[in-house]
Amino acid sequence: QVAWVVQDVYQCMITKLQSLGYLENVLLFYYPYGWRKDWSHTDSDLAAKIDAVLQTTHMDKVILMAHSTGGLVARNYLLHYGTAKVDQLITMGTPYLGSPLIAKYLEAVSYTHLTLPTSDLV
């Protein structure tokens, strides 16, 4: 189900990359992660994905493309594992300095009336 979401949301970019010769599961791989969950294992999970991709492609390095908090996951990987297996990191819309909009909202909201939606996905 996650792969469907990735393909649906990013289909324009996927189509462009495929037109440039990056074929899915040949030179184009996805790393969907549970962004609602604890980030403590994302760097090791991404490391395992990178190792699997390098083994499949017989390449020495990967190019990471990341959107939003995926850029933070990739940055976290680089901080812990270094750049030996990563040629480039391309990020789009990554909140490196946090999100000013949510900070302004949280400053203005009354916490006594704050209710968060619940979900079994979280």
PDB file of N, CA and C in Angstrom:
ATOM      1  N   GLN A   1       0.829  -1.195   0.000  1.00  0.00           N
ATOM      2  CA  GLN A   1       0.000   0.000   0.000  1.00  0.00           C
ATOM      3  C   GLN A   1       0.873   1.257   0.000  1.00  0.00           C
ATOM      4  N   VAL A   2       1.967   1.267   0.733  1.00  0.00           N
ATOM      5  CA  VAL A   2       2.832   2.438   0.782  1.00  0.00           C
ATOM      6  C   VAL A   2       3.419   2.736  -0.590  1.00  0.00           C
ATOM      7  N   ALA A   3       3.841   1.706  -1.298  1.00  0.00           N
ATOM      8  CA  ALA A   3       4.405   1.917  -2.636  1.00  0.00           C
ATOM      9  C   ALA A   3       3.391   2.584  -3.553  1.00  0.00           C
ATOM     10  N   TRP A   4       2.097   2.233  -3.399  1.00  0.00           N
ATOM     11  CA  TRP A   4       1.066   2.871  -4.212  1.00  0.00           C
ATOM     12  C   TRP A   4       1.000   4.354  -3.914  1.00  0.00           C
ATOM     13  N   VAL A   5       1.082   4.725  -2.654  1.00  0.00           N
ATOM     14  CA  VAL A   5       1.040   6.133  -2.271  1.00  0.00           C
ATOM     15  C   VAL A   5       2.232   6.871  -2.858  1.00  0.00           C
ATOM     16  N   VAL A   6       3.402   6.289  -2.771  1.00  0.00           N
ATOM     17  CA  VAL A   6       4.603   6.915  -3.321  1.00  0.00           C
ATOM     18  C   VAL A   6       4.439   7.118  -4.818  1.00  0.00           C
ATOM     19  N   GLN A   7       3.978   6.100  -5.514  1.00  0.00           N
ATOM     20  CA  GLN A   7       3.829   6.208  -6.959  1.00  0.00           C
ATOM     21  C   GLN A   7       2.744   7.205  -7.332  1.00  0.00           C
ATOM     22  N   ASP A   8       1.658   7.259  -6.578  1.00  0.00           N
ATOM     23  CA  ASP A   8       0.569   8.171  -6.888  1.00  0.00           C
ATOM     24  C   ASP A   8       0.984   9.618  -6.664  1.00  0.00           C
ATOM     25  N   VAL A   9       1.583   9.925  -5.532  1.00  0.00           N
ATOM     26  CA  VAL A   9       1.954  11.291  -5.191  1.00  0.00           C
ATOM     27  C   VAL A   9       3.097  11.796  -6.069  1.00  0.00           C
ATOM     28  N   TYR A  10       4.047  10.960  -6.371  1.00  0.00           N
ATOM     29  CA  TYR A  10       5.241  11.368  -7.094  1.00  0.00           C
ATOM     30  C   TYR A  10       5.267  10.875  -8.537  1.00  0.00           C
ATOM     31  N   GLN A  11       4.122  10.555  -9.101  1.00  0.00           N
ATOM     32  CA  GLN A  11       4.080   9.949 -10.425  1.00  0.00           C
ATOM     33  C   GLN A  11       4.728  10.807 -11.503  1.00  0.00           C
ATOM     34  N   CYS A  12       4.570  12.098 -11.446  1.00  0.00           N
ATOM     35  CA  CYS A  12       5.173  12.977 -12.460  1.00  0.00           C
ATOM     36  C   CYS A  12       6.699  12.854 -12.440  1.00  0.00           C
ATOM     37  N   MET A  13       7.272  12.867 -11.227  1.00  0.00           N
ATOM     38  CA  MET A  13       8.721  12.734 -11.122  1.00  0.00           C
ATOM     39  C   MET A  13       9.180  11.344 -11.545  1.00  0.00           C
ATOM     40  N   ILE A  14       8.444  10.331 -11.159  1.00  0.00           N
ATOM     41  CA  ILE A  14       8.788   8.958 -11.538  1.00  0.00           C
ATOM     42  C   ILE A  14       8.764   8.808 -13.053  1.00  0.00           C
ATOM     43  N   THR A  15       7.738   9.354 -13.687  1.00  0.00           N
ATOM     44  CA  THR A  15       7.621   9.288 -15.146  1.00  0.00           C
ATOM     45  C   THR A  15       8.812   9.974 -15.811  1.00  0.00           C
ATOM     46  N   LYS A  16       9.201  11.134 -15.295  1.00  0.00           N
ATOM     47  CA  LYS A  16      10.344  11.859 -15.859  1.00  0.00           C
ATOM     48  C   LYS A  16      11.636  11.051 -15.690  1.00  0.00           C
ATOM     49  N   LEU A  17      11.849  10.506 -14.501  1.00  0.00           N
ATOM     50  CA  LEU A  17      13.055   9.707 -14.267  1.00  0.00           C
ATOM     51  C   LEU A  17      13.084   8.471 -15.165  1.00  0.00           C
ATOM     52  N   GLN A  18      11.934   7.839 -15.346  1.00  0.00           N
ATOM     53  CA  GLN A  18      11.865   6.673 -16.225  1.00  0.00           C
ATOM     54  C   GLN A  18      12.153   7.055 -17.675  1.00  0.00           C
ATOM     55  N   SER A  19      11.694   8.239 -18.087  1.00  0.00           N
ATOM     56  CA  SER A  19      11.967   8.683 -19.458  1.00  0.00           C
ATOM     57  C   SER A  19      13.463   8.956 -19.668  1.00  0.00           C
ATOM     58  N   LEU A  20      14.178   9.180 -18.580  1.00  0.00           N
ATOM     59  CA  LEU A  20      15.628   9.404 -18.648  1.00  0.00           C
ATOM     60  C   LEU A  20      16.423   8.103 -18.503  1.00  0.00           C
ATOM     61  N   GLY A  21      15.692   6.980 -18.400  1.00  0.00           N
ATOM     62  CA  GLY A  21      16.356   5.684 -18.354  1.00  0.00           C
ATOM     63  C   GLY A  21      16.453   5.058 -16.969  1.00  0.00           C
ATOM     64  N   TYR A  22      15.902   5.708 -15.965  1.00  0.00           N
ATOM     65  CA  TYR A  22      15.910   5.144 -14.612  1.00  0.00           C
ATOM     66  C   TYR A  22      14.695   4.242 -14.448  1.00  0.00           C
ATOM     67  N   LEU A  23      14.867   2.977 -14.723  1.00  0.00           N
ATOM     68  CA  LEU A  23      13.752   2.038 -14.678  1.00  0.00           C
ATOM     69  C   LEU A  23      13.563   1.496 -13.262  1.00  0.00           C
ATOM     70  N   GLU A  24      12.295   1.352 -12.896  1.00  0.00           N
ATOM     71  CA  GLU A  24      11.937   0.886 -11.558  1.00  0.00           C
ATOM     72  C   GLU A  24      12.527  -0.491 -11.279  1.00  0.00           C
ATOM     73  N   ASN A  25      13.139  -0.616 -10.118  1.00  0.00           N
ATOM     74  CA  ASN A  25      13.796  -1.847  -9.654  1.00  0.00           C
ATOM     75  C   ASN A  25      14.992  -2.259 -10.506  1.00  0.00           C
ATOM     76  N   VAL A  26      15.466  -1.335 -11.345  1.00  0.00           N
ATOM     77  CA  VAL A  26      16.704  -1.543 -12.102  1.00  0.00           C
ATOM     78  C   VAL A  26      17.701  -0.450 -11.681  1.00  0.00           C
ATOM     79  N   LEU A  27      17.294   0.805 -11.874  1.00  0.00           N
ATOM     80  CA  LEU A  27      18.092   1.946 -11.427  1.00  0.00           C
ATOM     81  C   LEU A  27      17.279   2.921 -10.569  1.00  0.00           C
ATOM     82  N   LEU A  28      16.017   2.636 -10.364  1.00  0.00           N
ATOM     83  CA  LEU A  28      15.128   3.502  -9.584  1.00  0.00           C
ATOM     84  C   LEU A  28      14.478   2.660  -8.497  1.00  0.00           C
ATOM     85  N   PHE A  29      14.782   3.019  -7.244  1.00  0.00           N
ATOM     86  CA  PHE A  29      14.277   2.265  -6.100  1.00  0.00           C
ATOM     87  C   PHE A  29      13.635   3.231  -5.117  1.00  0.00           C
ATOM     88  N   TYR A  30      12.690   2.742  -4.344  1.00  0.00           N
ATOM     89  CA  TYR A  30      11.981   3.563  -3.370  1.00  0.00           C
ATOM     90  C   TYR A  30      12.321   3.114  -1.962  1.00  0.00           C
ATOM     91  N   TYR A  31      12.356   4.086  -1.069  1.00  0.00           N
ATOM     92  CA  TYR A  31      12.493   3.784   0.353  1.00  0.00           C
ATOM     93  C   TYR A  31      11.374   4.518   1.097  1.00  0.00           C
ATOM     94  N   PRO A  32      10.185   3.948   1.098  1.00  0.00           N
ATOM     95  CA  PRO A  32       9.121   4.558   1.901  1.00  0.00           C
ATOM     96  C   PRO A  32       9.345   4.194   3.366  1.00  0.00           C
ATOM     97  N   TYR A  33       9.249   5.165   4.222  1.00  0.00           N
ATOM     98  CA  TYR A  33       9.457   4.916   5.644  1.00  0.00           C
ATOM     99  C   TYR A  33       8.229   5.375   6.426  1.00  0.00           C
ATOM    100  N   GLY A  34       8.055   4.846   7.609  1.00  0.00           N
ATOM    101  CA  GLY A  34       6.925   5.214   8.451  1.00  0.00           C
ATOM    102  C   GLY A  34       7.175   6.536   9.148  1.00  0.00           C
ATOM    103  N   TRP A  35       6.794   7.634   8.521  1.00  0.00           N
ATOM    104  CA  TRP A  35       7.111   8.962   9.041  1.00  0.00           C
ATOM    105  C   TRP A  35       6.391   9.270  10.351  1.00  0.00           C
ATOM    106  N   ARG A  36       5.401   8.502  10.709  1.00  0.00           N
ATOM    107  CA  ARG A  36       4.700   8.716  11.975  1.00  0.00           C
ATOM    108  C   ARG A  36       5.378   7.978  13.130  1.00  0.00           C
ATOM    109  N   LYS A  37       6.339   7.150  12.815  1.00  0.00           N
ATOM    110  CA  LYS A  37       6.971   6.308  13.826  1.00  0.00           C
ATOM    111  C   LYS A  37       8.309   6.894  14.289  1.00  0.00           C
ATOM    112  N   ASP A  38       8.850   6.314  15.337  1.00  0.00           N
ATOM    113  CA  ASP A  38      10.128   6.725  15.898  1.00  0.00           C
ATOM    114  C   ASP A  38      11.224   6.670  14.828  1.00  0.00           C
ATOM    115  N   TRP A  39      12.011   7.711  14.755  1.00  0.00           N
ATOM    116  CA  TRP A  39      13.051   7.810  13.731  1.00  0.00           C
ATOM    117  C   TRP A  39      14.332   7.092  14.116  1.00  0.00           C
ATOM    118  N   SER A  40      14.388   6.475  15.268  1.00  0.00           N
ATOM    119  CA  SER A  40      15.648   5.924  15.756  1.00  0.00           C
ATOM    120  C   SER A  40      16.221   4.826  14.868  1.00  0.00           C
ATOM    121  N   HIS A  41      15.406   4.203  14.027  1.00  0.00           N
ATOM    122  CA  HIS A  41      15.910   3.124  13.172  1.00  0.00           C
ATOM    123  C   HIS A  41      15.930   3.489  11.691  1.00  0.00           C
ATOM    124  N   THR A  42      15.540   4.712  11.363  1.00  0.00           N
ATOM    125  CA  THR A  42      15.466   5.047   9.934  1.00  0.00           C
ATOM    126  C   THR A  42      16.827   5.022   9.269  1.00  0.00           C
ATOM    127  N   ASP A  43      17.874   5.430   9.983  1.00  0.00           N
ATOM    128  CA  ASP A  43      19.189   5.425   9.337  1.00  0.00           C
ATOM    129  C   ASP A  43      19.670   4.005   9.073  1.00  0.00           C
ATOM    130  N   SER A  44      19.446   3.094  10.002  1.00  0.00           N
ATOM    131  CA  SER A  44      19.864   1.706   9.767  1.00  0.00           C
ATOM    132  C   SER A  44      18.978   1.031   8.721  1.00  0.00           C
ATOM    133  N   ASP A  45      17.691   1.370   8.702  1.00  0.00           N
ATOM    134  CA  ASP A  45      16.802   0.827   7.668  1.00  0.00           C
ATOM    135  C   ASP A  45      17.202   1.340   6.287  1.00  0.00           C
ATOM    136  N   LEU A  46      17.524   2.627   6.195  1.00  0.00           N
ATOM    137  CA  LEU A  46      17.977   3.188   4.918  1.00  0.00           C
ATOM    138  C   LEU A  46      19.320   2.575   4.523  1.00  0.00           C
ATOM    139  N   ALA A  47      20.190   2.335   5.478  1.00  0.00           N
ATOM    140  CA  ALA A  47      21.480   1.688   5.190  1.00  0.00           C
ATOM    141  C   ALA A  47      21.260   0.304   4.569  1.00  0.00           C
ATOM    142  N   ALA A  48      20.322  -0.447   5.123  1.00  0.00           N
ATOM    143  CA  ALA A  48      20.014  -1.779   4.578  1.00  0.00           C
ATOM    144  C   ALA A  48      19.459  -1.658   3.160  1.00  0.00           C
ATOM    145  N   LYS A  49      18.608  -0.657   2.916  1.00  0.00           N
ATOM    146  CA  LYS A  49      18.050  -0.451   1.573  1.00  0.00           C
ATOM    147  C   LYS A  49      19.163  -0.084   0.596  1.00  0.00           C
ATOM    148  N   ILE A  50      20.046   0.803   0.997  1.00  0.00           N
ATOM    149  CA  ILE A  50      21.159   1.201   0.132  1.00  0.00           C
ATOM    150  C   ILE A  50      22.046  -0.002  -0.182  1.00  0.00           C
ATOM    151  N   ASP A  51      22.349  -0.798   0.807  1.00  0.00           N
ATOM    152  CA  ASP A  51      23.166  -2.000   0.581  1.00  0.00           C
ATOM    153  C   ASP A  51      22.482  -2.951  -0.401  1.00  0.00           C
ATOM    154  N   ALA A  52      21.165  -3.128  -0.262  1.00  0.00           N
ATOM    155  CA  ALA A  52      20.420  -4.008  -1.175  1.00  0.00           C
ATOM    156  C   ALA A  52      20.438  -3.461  -2.596  1.00  0.00           C
ATOM    157  N   VAL A  53      20.281  -2.146  -2.733  1.00  0.00           N
ATOM    158  CA  VAL A  53      20.310  -1.520  -4.065  1.00  0.00           C
ATOM    159  C   VAL A  53      21.689  -1.675  -4.691  1.00  0.00           C
ATOM    160  N   LEU A  54      22.732  -1.435  -3.923  1.00  0.00           N
ATOM    161  CA  LEU A  54      24.095  -1.568  -4.457  1.00  0.00           C
ATOM    162  C   LEU A  54      24.385  -3.006  -4.881  1.00  0.00           C
ATOM    163  N   GLN A  55      23.884  -3.953  -4.117  1.00  0.00           N
ATOM    164  CA  GLN A  55      24.071  -5.362  -4.479  1.00  0.00           C
ATOM    165  C   GLN A  55      23.313  -5.700  -5.764  1.00  0.00           C
ATOM    166  N   THR A  56      22.102  -5.176  -5.891  1.00  0.00           N
ATOM    167  CA  THR A  56      21.281  -5.444  -7.080  1.00  0.00           C
ATOM    168  C   THR A  56      21.862  -4.803  -8.329  1.00  0.00           C
ATOM    169  N   THR A  57      22.337  -3.561  -8.192  1.00  0.00           N
ATOM    170  CA  THR A  57      22.803  -2.804  -9.360  1.00  0.00           C
ATOM    171  C   THR A  57      24.287  -2.993  -9.662  1.00  0.00           C
ATOM    172  N   HIS A  58      25.031  -3.544  -8.726  1.00  0.00           N
ATOM    173  CA  HIS A  58      26.488  -3.690  -8.853  1.00  0.00           C
ATOM    174  C   HIS A  58      27.172  -2.332  -9.019  1.00  0.00           C
ATOM    175  N   MET A  59      26.571  -1.317  -8.453  1.00  0.00           N
ATOM    176  CA  MET A  59      27.151   0.029  -8.465  1.00  0.00           C
ATOM    177  C   MET A  59      27.929   0.241  -7.172  1.00  0.00           C
ATOM    178  N   ASP A  60      28.730   1.294  -7.139  1.00  0.00           N
ATOM    179  CA  ASP A  60      29.499   1.635  -5.936  1.00  0.00           C
ATOM    180  C   ASP A  60      28.762   2.619  -5.036  1.00  0.00           C
ATOM    181  N   LYS A  61      27.915   3.459  -5.644  1.00  0.00           N
ATOM    182  CA  LYS A  61      27.229   4.512  -4.895  1.00  0.00           C
ATOM    183  C   LYS A  61      25.817   4.706  -5.426  1.00  0.00           C
ATOM    184  N   VAL A  62      24.999   5.343  -4.601  1.00  0.00           N
ATOM    185  CA  VAL A  62      23.634   5.690  -4.996  1.00  0.00           C
ATOM    186  C   VAL A  62      23.495   7.207  -5.021  1.00  0.00           C
ATOM    187  N   ILE A  63      22.450   7.659  -5.680  1.00  0.00           N
ATOM    188  CA  ILE A  63      22.016   9.055  -5.603  1.00  0.00           C
ATOM    189  C   ILE A  63      20.708   9.027  -4.828  1.00  0.00           C
ATOM    190  N   LEU A  64      20.654   9.767  -3.739  1.00  0.00           N
ATOM    191  CA  LEU A  64      19.438   9.823  -2.939  1.00  0.00           C
ATOM    192  C   LEU A  64      18.636  11.059  -3.321  1.00  0.00           C
ATOM    193  N   MET A  65      17.350  10.875  -3.604  1.00  0.00           N
ATOM    194  CA  MET A  65      16.418  11.973  -3.823  1.00  0.00           C
ATOM    195  C   MET A  65      15.374  11.866  -2.726  1.00  0.00           C
ATOM    196  N   ALA A  66      15.180  12.952  -2.003  1.00  0.00           N
ATOM    197  CA  ALA A  66      14.278  12.902  -0.858  1.00  0.00           C
ATOM    198  C   ALA A  66      13.390  14.137  -0.816  1.00  0.00           C
ATOM    199  N   HIS A  67      12.162  13.924  -0.366  1.00  0.00           N
ATOM    200  CA  HIS A  67      11.207  15.013  -0.224  1.00  0.00           C
ATOM    201  C   HIS A  67      10.815  15.173   1.241  1.00  0.00           C
ATOM    202  N   SER A  68      10.685  16.408   1.669  1.00  0.00           N
ATOM    203  CA  SER A  68      10.206  16.761   3.002  1.00  0.00           C
ATOM    204  C   SER A  68      11.036  16.062   4.083  1.00  0.00           C
ATOM    205  N   THR A  69      10.394  15.381   5.012  1.00  0.00           N
ATOM    206  CA  THR A  69      11.157  14.758   6.097  1.00  0.00           C
ATOM    207  C   THR A  69      12.030  13.610   5.608  1.00  0.00           C
ATOM    208  N   GLY A  70      11.798  13.130   4.405  1.00  0.00           N
ATOM    209  CA  GLY A  70      12.704  12.144   3.823  1.00  0.00           C
ATOM    210  C   GLY A  70      14.108  12.706   3.695  1.00  0.00           C
ATOM    211  N   GLY A  71      14.214  14.021   3.483  1.00  0.00           N
ATOM    212  CA  GLY A  71      15.521  14.664   3.452  1.00  0.00           C
ATOM    213  C   GLY A  71      16.221  14.602   4.801  1.00  0.00           C
ATOM    214  N   LEU A  72      15.439  14.691   5.873  1.00  0.00           N
ATOM    215  CA  LEU A  72      16.013  14.567   7.215  1.00  0.00           C
ATOM    216  C   LEU A  72      16.466  13.139   7.482  1.00  0.00           C
ATOM    217  N   VAL A  73      15.706  12.177   6.977  1.00  0.00           N
ATOM    218  CA  VAL A  73      16.103  10.768   7.111  1.00  0.00           C
ATOM    219  C   VAL A  73      17.423  10.541   6.374  1.00  0.00           C
ATOM    220  N   ALA A  74      17.533  11.057   5.155  1.00  0.00           N
ATOM    221  CA  ALA A  74      18.755  10.896   4.375  1.00  0.00           C
ATOM    222  C   ALA A  74      19.927  11.602   5.050  1.00  0.00           C
ATOM    223  N   ARG A  75      19.690  12.787   5.578  1.00  0.00           N
ATOM    224  CA  ARG A  75      20.740  13.524   6.285  1.00  0.00           C
ATOM    225  C   ARG A  75      21.195  12.750   7.522  1.00  0.00           C
ATOM    226  N   ASN A  76      20.248  12.174   8.241  1.00  0.00           N
ATOM    227  CA  ASN A  76      20.567  11.378   9.413  1.00  0.00           C
ATOM    228  C   ASN A  76      21.435  10.181   9.024  1.00  0.00           C
ATOM    229  N   TYR A  77      21.098   9.553   7.899  1.00  0.00           N
ATOM    230  CA  TYR A  77      21.914   8.443   7.388  1.00  0.00           C
ATOM    231  C   TYR A  77      23.351   8.915   7.149  1.00  0.00           C
ATOM    232  N   LEU A  78      23.497  10.045   6.448  1.00  0.00           N
ATOM    233  CA  LEU A  78      24.834  10.552   6.127  1.00  0.00           C
ATOM    234  C   LEU A  78      25.625  10.905   7.379  1.00  0.00           C
ATOM    235  N   LEU A  79      24.953  11.428   8.381  1.00  0.00           N
ATOM    236  CA  LEU A  79      25.643  11.762   9.631  1.00  0.00           C
ATOM    237  C   LEU A  79      26.158  10.515  10.340  1.00  0.00           C
ATOM    238  N   HIS A  80      25.417   9.410  10.259  1.00  0.00           N
ATOM    239  CA  HIS A  80      25.809   8.188  10.949  1.00  0.00           C
ATOM    240  C   HIS A  80      26.682   7.251  10.108  1.00  0.00           C
ATOM    241  N   TYR A  81      26.480   7.234   8.792  1.00  0.00           N
ATOM    242  CA  TYR A  81      27.180   6.266   7.942  1.00  0.00           C
ATOM    243  C   TYR A  81      28.180   6.907   6.993  1.00  0.00           C
ATOM    244  N   GLY A  82      28.139   8.210   6.865  1.00  0.00           N
ATOM    245  CA  GLY A  82      29.075   8.884   5.970  1.00  0.00           C
ATOM    246  C   GLY A  82      28.628   8.844   4.517  1.00  0.00           C
ATOM    247  N   THR A  83      29.534   9.236   3.635  1.00  0.00           N
ATOM    248  CA  THR A  83      29.206   9.390   2.211  1.00  0.00           C
ATOM    249  C   THR A  83      29.815   8.306   1.324  1.00  0.00           C
ATOM    250  N   ALA A  84      30.381   7.274   1.913  1.00  0.00           N
ATOM    251  CA  ALA A  84      31.067   6.246   1.126  1.00  0.00           C
ATOM    252  C   ALA A  84      30.160   5.595   0.086  1.00  0.00           C
ATOM    253  N   LYS A  85      28.873   5.485   0.376  1.00  0.00           N
ATOM    254  CA  LYS A  85      27.950   4.796  -0.535  1.00  0.00           C
ATOM    255  C   LYS A  85      26.962   5.752  -1.203  1.00  0.00           C
ATOM    256  N   VAL A  86      27.148   7.059  -0.998  1.00  0.00           N
ATOM    257  CA  VAL A  86      26.222   8.053  -1.555  1.00  0.00           C
ATOM    258  C   VAL A  86      27.000   9.041  -2.404  1.00  0.00           C
ATOM    259  N   ASP A  87      26.630   9.103  -3.684  1.00  0.00           N
ATOM    260  CA  ASP A  87      27.274  10.043  -4.600  1.00  0.00           C
ATOM    261  C   ASP A  87      26.692  11.443  -4.428  1.00  0.00           C
ATOM    262  N   GLN A  88      25.366  11.518  -4.349  1.00  0.00           N
ATOM    263  CA  GLN A  88      24.691  12.810  -4.234  1.00  0.00           C
ATOM    264  C   GLN A  88      23.454  12.662  -3.358  1.00  0.00           C
ATOM    265  N   LEU A  89      23.095  13.760  -2.690  1.00  0.00           N
ATOM    266  CA  LEU A  89      21.823  13.852  -1.982  1.00  0.00           C
ATOM    267  C   LEU A  89      21.080  15.045  -2.541  1.00  0.00           C
ATOM    268  N   ILE A  90      19.902  14.795  -3.067  1.00  0.00           N
ATOM    269  CA  ILE A  90      19.045  15.845  -3.605  1.00  0.00           C
ATOM    270  C   ILE A  90      17.803  15.897  -2.724  1.00  0.00           C
ATOM    271  N   THR A  91      17.558  17.053  -2.112  1.00  0.00           N
ATOM    272  CA  THR A  91      16.377  17.180  -1.258  1.00  0.00           C
ATOM    273  C   THR A  91      15.448  18.252  -1.807  1.00  0.00           C
ATOM    274  N   MET A  92      14.155  18.028  -1.571  1.00  0.00           N
ATOM    275  CA  MET A  92      13.131  18.966  -2.022  1.00  0.00           C
ATOM    276  C   MET A  92      12.169  19.220  -0.867  1.00  0.00           C
ATOM    277  N   GLY A  93      12.051  20.458  -0.455  1.00  0.00           N
ATOM    278  CA  GLY A  93      11.108  20.818   0.592  1.00  0.00           C
ATOM    279  C   GLY A  93      11.436  20.220   1.945  1.00  0.00           C
ATOM    280  N   THR A  94      12.708  20.022   2.232  1.00  0.00           N
ATOM    281  CA  THR A  94      13.109  19.423   3.507  1.00  0.00           C
ATOM    282  C   THR A  94      13.152  20.501   4.590  1.00  0.00           C
ATOM    283  N   PRO A  95      12.473  20.265   5.707  1.00  0.00           N
ATOM    284  CA  PRO A  95      12.424  21.279   6.775  1.00  0.00           C
ATOM    285  C   PRO A  95      13.668  21.230   7.671  1.00  0.00           C
ATOM    286  N   TYR A  96      14.822  21.606   7.128  1.00  0.00           N
ATOM    287  CA  TYR A  96      16.065  21.553   7.892  1.00  0.00           C
ATOM    288  C   TYR A  96      16.011  22.415   9.155  1.00  0.00           C
ATOM    289  N   LEU A  97      15.270  23.503   9.092  1.00  0.00           N
ATOM    290  CA  LEU A  97      15.166  24.401  10.246  1.00  0.00           C
ATOM    291  C   LEU A  97      13.818  24.261  10.943  1.00  0.00           C
ATOM    292  N   GLY A  98      13.130  23.182  10.709  1.00  0.00           N
ATOM    293  CA  GLY A  98      11.810  23.005  11.306  1.00  0.00           C
ATOM    294  C   GLY A  98      10.747  23.633  10.435  1.00  0.00           C
ATOM    295  N   SER A  99       9.554  23.669  10.936  1.00  0.00           N
ATOM    296  CA  SER A  99       8.446  24.243  10.184  1.00  0.00           C
ATOM    297  C   SER A  99       7.927  25.487  10.894  1.00  0.00           C
ATOM    298  N   PRO A 100       8.217  26.685  10.374  1.00  0.00           N
ATOM    299  CA  PRO A 100       7.759  27.912  11.029  1.00  0.00           C
ATOM    300  C   PRO A 100       6.241  27.995  11.149  1.00  0.00           C
ATOM    301  N   LEU A 101       5.514  27.464  10.178  1.00  0.00           N
ATOM    302  CA  LEU A 101       4.059  27.548  10.203  1.00  0.00           C
ATOM    303  C   LEU A 101       3.490  26.791  11.400  1.00  0.00           C
ATOM    304  N   ILE A 102       3.949  25.577  11.649  1.00  0.00           N
ATOM    305  CA  ILE A 102       3.431  24.817  12.784  1.00  0.00           C
ATOM    306  C   ILE A 102       3.860  25.461  14.093  1.00  0.00           C
ATOM    307  N   ALA A 103       5.057  26.048  14.134  1.00  0.00           N
ATOM    308  CA  ALA A 103       5.506  26.724  15.358  1.00  0.00           C
ATOM    309  C   ALA A 103       4.585  27.897  15.679  1.00  0.00           C
ATOM    310  N   LYS A 104       4.198  28.677  14.670  1.00  0.00           N
ATOM    311  CA  LYS A 104       3.281  29.799  14.895  1.00  0.00           C
ATOM    312  C   LYS A 104       1.919  29.296  15.364  1.00  0.00           C
ATOM    313  N   TYR A 105       1.453  28.208  14.780  1.00  0.00           N
ATOM    314  CA  TYR A 105       0.173  27.633  15.187  1.00  0.00           C
ATOM    315  C   TYR A 105       0.228  27.184  16.647  1.00  0.00           C
ATOM    316  N   LEU A 106       1.296  26.490  17.017  1.00  0.00           N
ATOM    317  CA  LEU A 106       1.407  25.979  18.375  1.00  0.00           C
ATOM    318  C   LEU A 106       1.541  27.096  19.398  1.00  0.00           C
ATOM    319  N   GLU A 107       2.124  28.228  19.010  1.00  0.00           N
ATOM    320  CA  GLU A 107       2.206  29.373  19.912  1.00  0.00           C
ATOM    321  C   GLU A 107       0.835  29.975  20.167  1.00  0.00           C
ATOM    322  N   ALA A 108      -0.049  29.909  19.169  1.00  0.00           N
ATOM    323  CA  ALA A 108      -1.348  30.567  19.259  1.00  0.00           C
ATOM    324  C   ALA A 108      -2.451  29.683  19.831  1.00  0.00           C
ATOM    325  N   VAL A 109      -2.273  28.385  19.814  1.00  0.00           N
ATOM    326  CA  VAL A 109      -3.356  27.487  20.187  1.00  0.00           C
ATOM    327  C   VAL A 109      -3.440  27.339  21.707  1.00  0.00           C
ATOM    328  N   SER A 110      -4.648  27.161  22.187  1.00  0.00           N
ATOM    329  CA  SER A 110      -4.872  26.882  23.601  1.00  0.00           C
ATOM    330  C   SER A 110      -4.782  25.376  23.805  1.00  0.00           C
ATOM    331  N   TYR A 111      -3.813  24.938  24.584  1.00  0.00           N
ATOM    332  CA  TYR A 111      -3.585  23.513  24.756  1.00  0.00           C
ATOM    333  C   TYR A 111      -4.681  22.825  25.545  1.00  0.00           C
ATOM    334  N   THR A 112      -5.464  23.569  26.283  1.00  0.00           N
ATOM    335  CA  THR A 112      -6.538  22.940  27.059  1.00  0.00           C
ATOM    336  C   THR A 112      -7.636  22.415  26.146  1.00  0.00           C
ATOM    337  N   HIS A 113      -7.723  22.951  24.951  1.00  0.00           N
ATOM    338  CA  HIS A 113      -8.764  22.524  24.011  1.00  0.00           C
ATOM    339  C   HIS A 113      -8.194  21.751  22.822  1.00  0.00           C
ATOM    340  N   LEU A 114      -6.907  21.456  22.886  1.00  0.00           N
ATOM    341  CA  LEU A 114      -6.263  20.769  21.776  1.00  0.00           C
ATOM    342  C   LEU A 114      -6.572  19.280  21.807  1.00  0.00           C
ATOM    343  N   THR A 115      -7.125  18.791  20.726  1.00  0.00           N
ATOM    344  CA  THR A 115      -7.343  17.337  20.591  1.00  0.00           C
ATOM    345  C   THR A 115      -6.677  16.900  19.302  1.00  0.00           C
ATOM    346  N   LEU A 116      -5.958  15.833  19.390  1.00  0.00           N
ATOM    347  CA  LEU A 116      -5.279  15.299  18.214  1.00  0.00           C
ATOM    348  C   LEU A 116      -6.065  14.126  17.663  1.00  0.00           C
ATOM    349  N   PRO A 117      -6.124  13.996  16.362  1.00  0.00           N
ATOM    350  CA  PRO A 117      -6.812  12.837  15.785  1.00  0.00           C
ATOM    351  C   PRO A 117      -6.092  11.554  16.156  1.00  0.00           C
ATOM    352  N   THR A 118      -6.850  10.529  16.338  1.00  0.00           N
ATOM    353  CA  THR A 118      -6.240   9.230  16.642  1.00  0.00           C
ATOM    354  C   THR A 118      -6.363   8.322  15.422  1.00  0.00           C
ATOM    355  N   SER A 119      -5.409   7.447  15.322  1.00  0.00           N
ATOM    356  CA  SER A 119      -5.403   6.523  14.199  1.00  0.00           C
ATOM    357  C   SER A 119      -4.608   5.290  14.602  1.00  0.00           C
ATOM    358  N   ASP A 120      -5.009   4.150  14.093  1.00  0.00           N
ATOM    359  CA  ASP A 120      -4.232   2.949  14.359  1.00  0.00           C
ATOM    360  C   ASP A 120      -2.972   2.889  13.500  1.00  0.00           C
ATOM    361  N   LEU A 121      -2.811   3.864  12.593  1.00  0.00           N
ATOM    362  CA  LEU A 121      -1.610   3.920  11.757  1.00  0.00           C
ATOM    363  C   LEU A 121      -0.446   4.555  12.500  1.00  0.00           C
ATOM    364  N   VAL A 122      -0.730   5.333  13.517  1.00  0.00           N
ATOM    365  CA  VAL A 122       0.312   6.046  14.243  1.00  0.00           C
ATOM    366  C   VAL A 122       1.022   5.114  15.187  1.00  0.00           C
TER     367      VAL A 122
END
